[in-house]
N, C-alpha and C. Protein backbone atom coordinates (compact mmCIF):
# COMPACT_ATOMS: atom_id res chain seq x y z
N MET A 1 0.85 -1.18 0.00
CA MET A 1 0.00 0.00 0.00
C MET A 1 0.89 1.24 0.00
N LYS A 2 0.59 2.13 -0.87
CA LYS A 2 1.37 3.36 -1.01
C LYS A 2 0.86 4.40 -0.01
N GLY A 3 1.80 4.98 0.75
CA GLY A 3 1.43 6.02 1.70
C GLY A 3 1.15 7.33 0.99
N GLU A 4 0.26 8.11 1.56
CA GLU A 4 -0.05 9.41 0.99
C GLU A 4 0.37 10.49 1.97
N LYS A 5 0.96 11.53 1.44
CA LYS A 5 1.46 12.64 2.24
C LYS A 5 0.31 13.28 3.02
N ASP A 6 0.57 13.55 4.27
CA ASP A 6 -0.36 14.25 5.18
C ASP A 6 -1.63 13.48 5.50
N MET A 7 -1.65 12.15 5.26
CA MET A 7 -2.82 11.33 5.58
C MET A 7 -2.54 10.53 6.85
N CYS A 8 -2.16 11.25 7.90
CA CYS A 8 -1.86 10.65 9.20
C CYS A 8 -2.24 11.68 10.25
N VAL A 9 -2.06 11.36 11.51
CA VAL A 9 -2.47 12.28 12.57
C VAL A 9 -1.68 13.59 12.50
N VAL A 10 -0.39 13.54 12.17
CA VAL A 10 0.41 14.76 12.04
C VAL A 10 -0.13 15.60 10.88
N GLY A 11 -0.38 14.95 9.75
CA GLY A 11 -0.96 15.66 8.61
C GLY A 11 -2.33 16.23 8.94
N GLY A 12 -3.12 15.47 9.69
CA GLY A 12 -4.44 15.95 10.10
C GLY A 12 -4.34 17.21 10.95
N ILE A 13 -3.43 17.21 11.91
CA ILE A 13 -3.23 18.40 12.75
C ILE A 13 -2.83 19.59 11.89
N ASN A 14 -1.86 19.38 11.00
CA ASN A 14 -1.41 20.47 10.14
C ASN A 14 -2.51 20.93 9.19
N ASN A 15 -3.25 19.98 8.61
CA ASN A 15 -4.31 20.33 7.66
C ASN A 15 -5.45 21.09 8.33
N TYR A 16 -5.90 20.62 9.50
CA TYR A 16 -7.00 21.31 10.17
C TYR A 16 -6.56 22.66 10.74
N THR A 17 -5.30 22.76 11.15
CA THR A 17 -4.78 24.05 11.59
C THR A 17 -4.78 25.02 10.42
N ALA A 18 -4.31 24.56 9.26
CA ALA A 18 -4.30 25.41 8.07
C ALA A 18 -5.72 25.83 7.67
N ALA A 19 -6.65 24.88 7.75
CA ALA A 19 -8.04 25.19 7.39
C ALA A 19 -8.63 26.26 8.33
N LEU A 20 -8.31 26.16 9.62
CA LEU A 20 -8.83 27.14 10.57
C LEU A 20 -8.12 28.50 10.44
N THR A 21 -6.87 28.47 10.01
CA THR A 21 -6.12 29.71 9.83
C THR A 21 -6.61 30.47 8.61
N ASN A 22 -6.98 29.73 7.57
CA ASN A 22 -7.43 30.34 6.32
C ASN A 22 -8.96 30.31 6.27
N SER A 23 -9.57 31.40 6.66
CA SER A 23 -11.05 31.44 6.74
C SER A 23 -11.71 31.34 5.37
N SER A 24 -10.96 31.53 4.30
CA SER A 24 -11.55 31.43 2.96
C SER A 24 -11.37 30.04 2.36
N ALA A 25 -10.89 29.09 3.16
CA ALA A 25 -10.70 27.72 2.65
C ALA A 25 -12.05 27.16 2.20
N PRO A 26 -12.10 26.60 1.00
CA PRO A 26 -13.37 26.10 0.47
C PRO A 26 -13.84 24.82 1.17
N LEU A 27 -15.12 24.73 1.37
CA LEU A 27 -15.76 23.51 1.88
C LEU A 27 -15.21 23.00 3.21
N VAL A 28 -14.74 23.88 4.05
CA VAL A 28 -14.22 23.46 5.34
C VAL A 28 -15.09 24.06 6.43
N ASP A 29 -15.76 23.20 7.17
CA ASP A 29 -16.60 23.64 8.29
C ASP A 29 -15.68 23.88 9.48
N PRO A 30 -15.60 25.13 9.98
CA PRO A 30 -14.67 25.41 11.08
C PRO A 30 -14.99 24.62 12.35
N THR A 31 -16.23 24.32 12.59
CA THR A 31 -16.58 23.54 13.79
C THR A 31 -16.03 22.13 13.68
N ILE A 32 -16.19 21.50 12.54
CA ILE A 32 -15.66 20.16 12.31
C ILE A 32 -14.13 20.20 12.38
N SER A 33 -13.52 21.21 11.77
CA SER A 33 -12.06 21.34 11.80
C SER A 33 -11.56 21.45 13.23
N LEU A 34 -12.23 22.24 14.03
CA LEU A 34 -11.83 22.43 15.43
C LEU A 34 -11.97 21.13 16.22
N MET A 35 -13.05 20.40 16.00
CA MET A 35 -13.25 19.13 16.71
C MET A 35 -12.17 18.12 16.34
N PHE A 36 -11.87 18.00 15.04
CA PHE A 36 -10.82 17.06 14.63
C PHE A 36 -9.45 17.50 15.12
N LEU A 37 -9.18 18.79 15.08
CA LEU A 37 -7.89 19.29 15.56
C LEU A 37 -7.69 18.91 17.03
N ALA A 38 -8.68 19.17 17.86
CA ALA A 38 -8.59 18.83 19.29
C ALA A 38 -8.40 17.32 19.47
N HIS A 39 -9.16 16.54 18.73
CA HIS A 39 -9.07 15.08 18.83
C HIS A 39 -7.68 14.58 18.44
N PHE A 40 -7.17 15.08 17.31
CA PHE A 40 -5.87 14.61 16.82
C PHE A 40 -4.72 15.06 17.71
N VAL A 41 -4.80 16.25 18.28
CA VAL A 41 -3.74 16.69 19.20
C VAL A 41 -3.72 15.76 20.42
N GLY A 42 -4.89 15.38 20.90
CA GLY A 42 -4.94 14.40 21.99
C GLY A 42 -4.36 13.06 21.58
N ASP A 43 -4.74 12.59 20.40
CA ASP A 43 -4.25 11.29 19.91
C ASP A 43 -2.74 11.24 19.78
N VAL A 44 -2.15 12.28 19.23
CA VAL A 44 -0.71 12.25 18.97
C VAL A 44 0.11 12.22 20.26
N HIS A 45 -0.52 12.56 21.37
CA HIS A 45 0.18 12.56 22.66
C HIS A 45 0.07 11.24 23.42
N GLN A 46 -0.69 10.28 22.91
CA GLN A 46 -0.86 9.00 23.60
C GLN A 46 -0.32 7.87 22.74
N PRO A 47 0.91 7.40 23.02
CA PRO A 47 1.53 6.40 22.16
C PRO A 47 0.88 5.02 22.16
N LEU A 48 0.18 4.67 23.19
CA LEU A 48 -0.52 3.38 23.22
C LEU A 48 -2.00 3.71 23.32
N HIS A 49 -2.54 4.11 22.19
CA HIS A 49 -3.83 4.80 22.08
C HIS A 49 -4.92 4.25 23.01
N ARG A 50 -5.43 3.07 22.78
CA ARG A 50 -6.58 2.58 23.58
C ARG A 50 -6.23 2.36 25.04
N VAL A 51 -5.06 1.78 25.31
CA VAL A 51 -4.70 1.50 26.71
C VAL A 51 -4.41 2.79 27.45
N TRP A 52 -3.66 3.70 26.82
CA TRP A 52 -3.26 4.92 27.52
C TRP A 52 -4.37 5.96 27.60
N ASP A 53 -5.18 6.09 26.56
CA ASP A 53 -6.18 7.16 26.62
C ASP A 53 -7.56 6.67 27.06
N LEU A 54 -7.64 5.40 27.42
CA LEU A 54 -8.91 4.90 27.93
C LEU A 54 -8.72 4.09 29.21
N ASP A 55 -8.08 2.95 29.10
CA ASP A 55 -7.97 2.02 30.24
C ASP A 55 -7.25 2.63 31.44
N ILE A 56 -6.10 3.23 31.22
CA ILE A 56 -5.34 3.79 32.35
C ILE A 56 -6.07 4.96 32.98
N ILE A 57 -6.66 5.80 32.14
CA ILE A 57 -7.40 6.95 32.67
C ILE A 57 -8.63 6.48 33.45
N GLU A 58 -9.35 5.51 32.91
CA GLU A 58 -10.52 5.00 33.62
C GLU A 58 -10.13 4.37 34.96
N LYS A 59 -9.03 3.62 34.99
CA LYS A 59 -8.58 3.01 36.24
C LYS A 59 -8.17 4.09 37.24
N ALA A 60 -7.46 5.10 36.77
CA ALA A 60 -7.06 6.20 37.65
C ALA A 60 -8.28 6.93 38.18
N MET A 61 -9.25 7.17 37.32
CA MET A 61 -10.49 7.84 37.75
C MET A 61 -11.16 7.05 38.87
N LYS A 62 -11.25 5.74 38.70
CA LYS A 62 -11.91 4.88 39.68
C LYS A 62 -11.10 4.77 40.97
N ASP A 63 -9.79 4.52 40.85
CA ASP A 63 -8.95 4.23 42.02
C ASP A 63 -8.54 5.47 42.81
N PHE A 64 -8.34 6.60 42.12
CA PHE A 64 -7.79 7.78 42.80
C PHE A 64 -8.69 9.01 42.82
N TYR A 65 -9.63 9.10 41.90
CA TYR A 65 -10.39 10.34 41.75
C TYR A 65 -11.90 10.16 41.94
N ASN A 66 -12.29 9.05 42.54
CA ASN A 66 -13.71 8.80 42.84
C ASN A 66 -14.61 9.00 41.61
N ASP A 67 -14.10 8.59 40.46
CA ASP A 67 -14.82 8.73 39.18
C ASP A 67 -15.25 10.17 38.90
N ASP A 68 -14.48 11.13 39.37
CA ASP A 68 -14.80 12.54 39.19
C ASP A 68 -13.74 13.18 38.28
N LEU A 69 -14.13 13.42 37.03
CA LEU A 69 -13.20 13.99 36.06
C LEU A 69 -12.67 15.35 36.50
N SER A 70 -13.49 16.13 37.18
CA SER A 70 -13.04 17.46 37.61
C SER A 70 -11.88 17.38 38.59
N ILE A 71 -11.84 16.33 39.42
CA ILE A 71 -10.73 16.17 40.36
C ILE A 71 -9.45 15.83 39.60
N MET A 72 -9.54 14.88 38.66
CA MET A 72 -8.36 14.53 37.87
C MET A 72 -7.87 15.73 37.07
N THR A 73 -8.79 16.46 36.48
CA THR A 73 -8.43 17.66 35.71
C THR A 73 -7.74 18.68 36.60
N HIS A 74 -8.26 18.87 37.81
CA HIS A 74 -7.64 19.81 38.75
C HIS A 74 -6.22 19.39 39.10
N VAL A 75 -6.01 18.11 39.33
CA VAL A 75 -4.67 17.60 39.67
C VAL A 75 -3.71 17.85 38.51
N ILE A 76 -4.14 17.57 37.29
CA ILE A 76 -3.28 17.80 36.13
C ILE A 76 -2.99 19.28 35.96
N MET A 77 -4.00 20.13 36.11
CA MET A 77 -3.79 21.58 36.00
C MET A 77 -2.85 22.08 37.08
N GLN A 78 -2.98 21.55 38.28
CA GLN A 78 -2.10 21.94 39.37
C GLN A 78 -0.65 21.52 39.06
N ASN A 79 -0.48 20.35 38.49
CA ASN A 79 0.86 19.91 38.10
C ASN A 79 1.45 20.83 37.03
N ILE A 80 0.62 21.31 36.10
CA ILE A 80 1.11 22.22 35.06
C ILE A 80 1.64 23.51 35.70
N THR A 81 0.93 24.03 36.67
CA THR A 81 1.34 25.29 37.27
C THR A 81 2.39 25.14 38.37
N GLU A 82 2.55 23.93 38.88
CA GLU A 82 3.52 23.72 39.96
C GLU A 82 4.64 22.77 39.53
N ALA A 83 4.41 21.48 39.55
CA ALA A 83 5.46 20.49 39.31
C ALA A 83 6.09 20.59 37.92
N TRP A 84 5.29 20.93 36.90
CA TRP A 84 5.80 20.99 35.54
C TRP A 84 5.94 22.42 35.03
N SER A 85 5.85 23.40 35.91
CA SER A 85 5.84 24.80 35.46
C SER A 85 7.10 25.19 34.70
N GLU A 86 8.23 24.61 35.05
CA GLU A 86 9.48 24.92 34.36
C GLU A 86 9.49 24.37 32.93
N GLU A 87 8.67 23.35 32.67
CA GLU A 87 8.63 22.70 31.35
C GLU A 87 7.55 23.26 30.43
N GLU A 88 6.57 23.95 31.00
CA GLU A 88 5.40 24.37 30.23
C GLU A 88 5.76 25.21 29.01
N ARG A 89 6.62 26.19 29.16
CA ARG A 89 7.01 27.05 28.02
C ARG A 89 7.65 26.22 26.90
N GLU A 90 8.45 25.24 27.29
CA GLU A 90 9.08 24.36 26.30
C GLU A 90 8.02 23.55 25.55
N TRP A 91 7.00 23.09 26.27
CA TRP A 91 5.95 22.31 25.63
C TRP A 91 5.23 23.12 24.55
N GLU A 92 4.95 24.37 24.85
CA GLU A 92 4.16 25.17 23.90
C GLU A 92 5.02 25.80 22.80
N ALA A 93 6.32 25.80 22.95
CA ALA A 93 7.21 26.41 21.97
C ALA A 93 7.16 25.64 20.65
N CYS A 94 7.04 26.38 19.57
CA CYS A 94 7.05 25.79 18.23
C CYS A 94 7.67 26.81 17.30
N SER A 95 8.80 26.46 16.73
CA SER A 95 9.52 27.42 15.89
C SER A 95 8.95 27.55 14.48
N SER A 96 8.08 26.63 14.09
CA SER A 96 7.50 26.67 12.75
C SER A 96 6.45 27.78 12.65
N ARG A 97 6.60 28.61 11.65
CA ARG A 97 5.62 29.69 11.43
C ARG A 97 4.49 29.23 10.51
N THR A 98 4.74 28.20 9.72
CA THR A 98 3.76 27.78 8.73
C THR A 98 2.99 26.53 9.12
N LYS A 99 3.54 25.73 10.02
CA LYS A 99 2.89 24.49 10.44
C LYS A 99 2.92 24.41 11.95
N THR A 100 2.31 23.37 12.46
CA THR A 100 2.42 23.07 13.89
C THR A 100 3.70 22.27 14.09
N CYS A 101 3.96 21.90 15.30
CA CYS A 101 5.10 21.01 15.59
C CYS A 101 4.61 19.60 15.88
N ALA A 102 3.54 19.21 15.21
CA ALA A 102 2.94 17.89 15.44
C ALA A 102 3.92 16.76 15.17
N ASP A 103 4.84 16.94 14.22
CA ASP A 103 5.82 15.90 13.96
C ASP A 103 6.70 15.68 15.19
N LYS A 104 7.02 16.75 15.89
CA LYS A 104 7.81 16.65 17.14
C LYS A 104 7.01 15.89 18.20
N TYR A 105 5.72 16.18 18.31
CA TYR A 105 4.88 15.50 19.31
C TYR A 105 4.78 14.01 19.00
N ALA A 106 4.67 13.68 17.71
CA ALA A 106 4.60 12.27 17.30
C ALA A 106 5.92 11.55 17.60
N MET A 107 7.03 12.23 17.39
CA MET A 107 8.33 11.63 17.69
C MET A 107 8.48 11.38 19.20
N GLU A 108 8.00 12.32 20.01
CA GLU A 108 8.02 12.11 21.46
C GLU A 108 7.22 10.86 21.83
N SER A 109 6.03 10.73 21.23
CA SER A 109 5.19 9.57 21.53
C SER A 109 5.83 8.27 21.06
N ALA A 110 6.47 8.31 19.90
CA ALA A 110 7.16 7.11 19.41
C ALA A 110 8.27 6.71 20.38
N GLN A 111 9.00 7.69 20.90
CA GLN A 111 10.07 7.39 21.86
C GLN A 111 9.48 6.84 23.16
N LEU A 112 8.36 7.43 23.62
CA LEU A 112 7.70 6.94 24.83
C LEU A 112 7.14 5.53 24.63
N ALA A 113 6.71 5.24 23.41
CA ALA A 113 6.22 3.88 23.13
C ALA A 113 7.34 2.87 23.38
N CYS A 114 8.54 3.20 22.93
CA CYS A 114 9.69 2.31 23.12
C CYS A 114 10.15 2.28 24.58
N ASP A 115 10.28 3.46 25.18
CA ASP A 115 10.87 3.58 26.51
C ASP A 115 9.92 3.23 27.65
N VAL A 116 8.61 3.44 27.45
CA VAL A 116 7.65 3.28 28.54
C VAL A 116 6.50 2.34 28.18
N ALA A 117 5.78 2.66 27.12
CA ALA A 117 4.54 1.93 26.80
C ALA A 117 4.77 0.44 26.56
N TYR A 118 5.82 0.10 25.80
CA TYR A 118 6.08 -1.30 25.48
C TYR A 118 7.25 -1.89 26.26
N ALA A 119 7.87 -1.10 27.11
CA ALA A 119 9.04 -1.58 27.86
C ALA A 119 8.66 -2.75 28.76
N GLY A 120 9.30 -3.88 28.55
CA GLY A 120 9.07 -5.05 29.39
C GLY A 120 7.74 -5.75 29.15
N VAL A 121 7.01 -5.37 28.13
CA VAL A 121 5.71 -5.97 27.85
C VAL A 121 5.89 -7.03 26.76
N GLU A 122 5.46 -8.23 27.06
CA GLU A 122 5.51 -9.33 26.09
C GLU A 122 4.17 -9.41 25.37
N GLN A 123 4.22 -9.82 24.12
CA GLN A 123 2.99 -9.98 23.35
C GLN A 123 2.05 -10.95 24.06
N GLY A 124 0.79 -10.55 24.19
CA GLY A 124 -0.22 -11.38 24.82
C GLY A 124 -0.25 -11.30 26.33
N SER A 125 0.65 -10.50 26.92
CA SER A 125 0.66 -10.40 28.38
C SER A 125 -0.47 -9.51 28.88
N ILE A 126 -0.85 -9.72 30.13
CA ILE A 126 -1.88 -8.91 30.79
C ILE A 126 -1.18 -7.75 31.48
N LEU A 127 -1.67 -6.54 31.21
CA LEU A 127 -1.09 -5.34 31.83
C LEU A 127 -1.71 -5.17 33.21
N GLY A 128 -0.90 -5.32 34.24
CA GLY A 128 -1.40 -5.28 35.61
C GLY A 128 -1.06 -3.98 36.33
N ASP A 129 -1.11 -4.04 37.64
CA ASP A 129 -0.89 -2.86 38.47
C ASP A 129 0.50 -2.26 38.30
N ASP A 130 1.52 -3.09 38.14
CA ASP A 130 2.87 -2.55 37.94
C ASP A 130 2.92 -1.65 36.71
N TYR A 131 2.28 -2.12 35.63
CA TYR A 131 2.24 -1.33 34.40
C TYR A 131 1.47 -0.04 34.64
N PHE A 132 0.32 -0.15 35.28
CA PHE A 132 -0.51 1.02 35.57
C PHE A 132 0.27 2.07 36.36
N PHE A 133 0.90 1.65 37.45
CA PHE A 133 1.60 2.62 38.30
C PHE A 133 2.84 3.21 37.62
N SER A 134 3.47 2.46 36.74
CA SER A 134 4.65 3.00 36.06
C SER A 134 4.28 3.94 34.91
N THR A 135 3.10 3.76 34.32
CA THR A 135 2.73 4.59 33.17
C THR A 135 1.82 5.76 33.51
N LEU A 136 1.06 5.68 34.59
CA LEU A 136 0.11 6.75 34.91
C LEU A 136 0.75 8.14 34.96
N PRO A 137 1.89 8.33 35.61
CA PRO A 137 2.48 9.67 35.62
C PRO A 137 2.81 10.18 34.21
N VAL A 138 3.24 9.28 33.34
CA VAL A 138 3.57 9.66 31.97
C VAL A 138 2.28 10.00 31.21
N VAL A 139 1.25 9.20 31.39
CA VAL A 139 -0.04 9.46 30.74
C VAL A 139 -0.56 10.83 31.17
N GLN A 140 -0.52 11.12 32.45
CA GLN A 140 -1.03 12.42 32.93
C GLN A 140 -0.20 13.57 32.39
N LYS A 141 1.10 13.39 32.29
CA LYS A 141 1.96 14.44 31.74
C LYS A 141 1.67 14.64 30.26
N ARG A 142 1.42 13.56 29.52
CA ARG A 142 1.09 13.69 28.10
C ARG A 142 -0.26 14.39 27.92
N ILE A 143 -1.21 14.14 28.80
CA ILE A 143 -2.48 14.87 28.74
C ILE A 143 -2.22 16.36 28.93
N ALA A 144 -1.38 16.70 29.91
CA ALA A 144 -1.04 18.10 30.16
C ALA A 144 -0.35 18.72 28.95
N GLN A 145 0.62 18.00 28.39
CA GLN A 145 1.33 18.52 27.22
C GLN A 145 0.38 18.74 26.05
N GLY A 146 -0.53 17.79 25.84
CA GLY A 146 -1.50 17.94 24.76
C GLY A 146 -2.39 19.15 24.96
N GLY A 147 -2.83 19.37 26.20
CA GLY A 147 -3.66 20.53 26.48
C GLY A 147 -2.94 21.85 26.28
N VAL A 148 -1.72 21.92 26.77
CA VAL A 148 -0.91 23.14 26.62
C VAL A 148 -0.64 23.41 25.14
N ARG A 149 -0.31 22.36 24.41
CA ARG A 149 0.01 22.53 22.99
C ARG A 149 -1.22 22.86 22.16
N LEU A 150 -2.36 22.25 22.49
CA LEU A 150 -3.60 22.62 21.79
C LEU A 150 -3.91 24.08 22.03
N ALA A 151 -3.76 24.54 23.26
CA ALA A 151 -4.00 25.96 23.57
C ALA A 151 -3.06 26.85 22.76
N ALA A 152 -1.79 26.46 22.64
CA ALA A 152 -0.83 27.26 21.87
C ALA A 152 -1.22 27.30 20.38
N ILE A 153 -1.66 26.16 19.85
CA ILE A 153 -2.09 26.12 18.45
C ILE A 153 -3.30 27.02 18.25
N LEU A 154 -4.27 26.93 19.15
CA LEU A 154 -5.47 27.76 19.03
C LEU A 154 -5.14 29.24 19.18
N ASN A 155 -4.23 29.56 20.09
CA ASN A 155 -3.81 30.96 20.23
C ASN A 155 -3.14 31.46 18.96
N LYS A 156 -2.37 30.61 18.33
CA LYS A 156 -1.71 30.97 17.07
C LYS A 156 -2.74 31.19 15.96
N ILE A 157 -3.73 30.31 15.90
CA ILE A 157 -4.77 30.41 14.87
C ILE A 157 -5.60 31.68 15.06
N PHE A 158 -6.03 31.90 16.29
CA PHE A 158 -6.99 32.98 16.55
C PHE A 158 -6.34 34.27 17.05
N GLY A 159 -4.99 34.32 17.03
CA GLY A 159 -4.28 35.55 17.31
C GLY A 159 -4.19 35.96 18.75
N GLU A 160 -4.49 35.07 19.68
CA GLU A 160 -4.47 35.44 21.10
C GLU A 160 -3.05 35.60 21.64
N SER A 161 -2.06 35.01 20.96
CA SER A 161 -0.70 35.09 21.49
C SER A 161 -0.13 36.50 21.45
N SER A 162 -0.73 37.36 20.63
CA SER A 162 -0.22 38.73 20.56
C SER A 162 -0.81 39.63 21.65
N LYS A 163 -1.84 39.15 22.33
CA LYS A 163 -2.44 39.93 23.41
C LYS A 163 -1.66 39.73 24.71
N PRO A 164 -1.54 40.76 25.52
CA PRO A 164 -0.80 40.60 26.79
C PRO A 164 -1.55 39.65 27.72
N HIS A 165 -0.78 38.84 28.44
CA HIS A 165 -1.35 37.93 29.44
C HIS A 165 -1.65 38.71 30.70
N SER A 166 -2.76 38.42 31.34
CA SER A 166 -3.08 39.10 32.62
C SER A 166 -2.33 38.43 33.73
N SER A 167 -1.95 39.20 34.71
CA SER A 167 -1.18 38.66 35.84
C SER A 167 -2.07 38.28 36.96
């Protein structure tokens, strides 16, 4: 099967960003573009898609957050402003003026797939508590990175980055 340029999650992020940036783009519904952009930015940050963006989060919600998404969200937001505050600017930084840095995010996820997601996992094995506890901090950090980066992309699209931040 022959691969096609930009027909992947990185291409999707770049294409939907371009569509939202160019308001005269033909046949592009901005609401649909925005929904896909948000979805794909989330996807590119989770290297083991179904396990990391569903199973681990659901287990964490049940075991630590009393099935309350607002508590988990608060914890992640608190980590962004406290534990990860020194890294936040680096997460949102993107030197490309014409595209997003989605290729960089995908490369990070590919590296995490090797170093964390698949580390020590044999084919057909059951992922137990050891796996959960070793990956949860990484999953939560990737959620934070995805949120920060989506905000940066949206600010770039809608021009909010030029406005002064309130203190």
